[in-house]
Amino acid sequence: MRDMLEHYDAQGYLLAASGDVGTTAIDYLLGLRTRGDFFTDWWGRHEIEDRLRRNPDVANRYPDMVNRITT
């Protein structure tokens, strides 16, 4: 991740995963964030679903990619 961030001169990294984000990845991203080198965040399945529930307009724009969440 760090190599990619430096290669593209990025300011941050968002990891979005369809499942749960593992502790190894979280620890690594927290380390980057704590050192102040980069902005980092991670969204697992539950965070993505919560955001889509709060922003249905986003889900509506991509009906071929988003299954409707009914809860």
Protein backbone atom coordinates (compact mmCIF):
# COMPACT_ATOMS: atom_id res chain seq x y z
CA MET A 1 0.00 0.00 0.00
CA ARG A 2 2.71 2.44 0.95
CA ASP A 3 4.58 1.85 -2.31
CA MET A 4 1.43 2.60 -4.28
CA LEU A 5 0.73 5.75 -2.26
CA GLU A 6 4.25 7.03 -2.84
CA HIS A 7 4.30 5.99 -6.51
CA TYR A 8 1.15 8.01 -7.25
CA ASP A 9 2.04 10.81 -4.82
CA ALA A 10 -1.29 10.17 -3.10
CA GLN A 11 -2.46 11.87 0.05
CA GLY A 12 -4.52 8.97 1.33
CA TYR A 13 -5.94 5.51 0.95
CA LEU A 14 -9.45 4.13 1.35
CA LEU A 15 -9.80 0.36 1.54
CA ALA A 16 -13.35 -0.75 0.67
CA ALA A 17 -14.02 -4.47 0.98
CA SER A 18 -17.10 -6.58 0.32
CA GLY A 19 -16.34 -8.57 3.47
CA ASP A 20 -14.74 -7.70 6.75
CA VAL A 21 -11.40 -5.89 6.76
CA GLY A 22 -8.76 -7.99 8.54
CA THR A 23 -6.85 -6.85 11.57
CA THR A 24 -3.51 -6.97 9.73
CA ALA A 25 -4.75 -4.44 7.17
CA ILE A 26 -6.34 -2.28 9.86
CA ASP A 27 -3.13 -2.28 11.92
CA TYR A 28 -1.11 -1.28 8.87
CA LEU A 29 -3.50 1.52 7.89
CA LEU A 30 -3.62 2.77 11.47
CA GLY A 31 0.17 2.89 11.51
CA LEU A 32 0.22 5.03 8.36
CA ARG A 33 -2.44 7.30 9.84
CA THR A 34 -0.78 7.57 13.26
CA ARG A 35 2.56 8.59 11.76
CA GLY A 36 0.72 11.32 9.88
CA ASP A 37 2.12 10.21 6.53
CA PHE A 38 -1.25 9.63 4.86
CA PHE A 39 -4.98 9.83 5.42
CA THR A 40 -6.29 6.27 5.72
CA ASP A 41 -9.70 4.75 6.25
CA TRP A 42 -11.37 1.41 5.67
CA TRP A 43 -14.90 0.31 5.02
CA GLY A 44 -16.04 -3.25 5.34
CA ARG A 45 -19.35 -4.65 4.19
CA HIS A 46 -21.32 -3.20 7.10
CA GLU A 47 -19.88 0.31 6.71
CA ILE A 48 -20.62 0.27 2.97
CA GLU A 49 -24.19 -0.92 3.55
CA ASP A 50 -24.74 1.75 6.23
CA ARG A 51 -23.52 4.48 3.88
CA LEU A 52 -25.74 3.23 1.06
CA ARG A 53 -28.76 3.23 3.39
CA ARG A 54 -28.02 6.83 4.35
CA ASN A 55 -27.43 7.83 0.72
CA PRO A 56 -29.95 5.97 -1.45
CA ASP A 57 -29.27 8.36 -4.33
CA VAL A 58 -25.83 6.79 -4.71
CA ALA A 59 -27.26 3.27 -4.80
CA ASN A 60 -29.89 4.39 -7.32
CA ARG A 61 -27.21 5.67 -9.70
CA TYR A 62 -25.60 2.22 -9.89
CA PRO A 63 -28.43 -0.33 -9.93
CA ASP A 64 -26.32 -2.84 -11.85
CA MET A 65 -23.71 -2.82 -9.07
CA VAL A 66 -25.79 -2.46 -5.90
CA ASN A 67 -28.28 -4.99 -4.59
CA ARG A 68 -31.10 -3.24 -2.81
CA ILE A 69 -30.75 -3.37 0.95
CA THR A 70 -34.14 -3.88 2.54
CA THR A 71 -33.36 -3.63 6.26
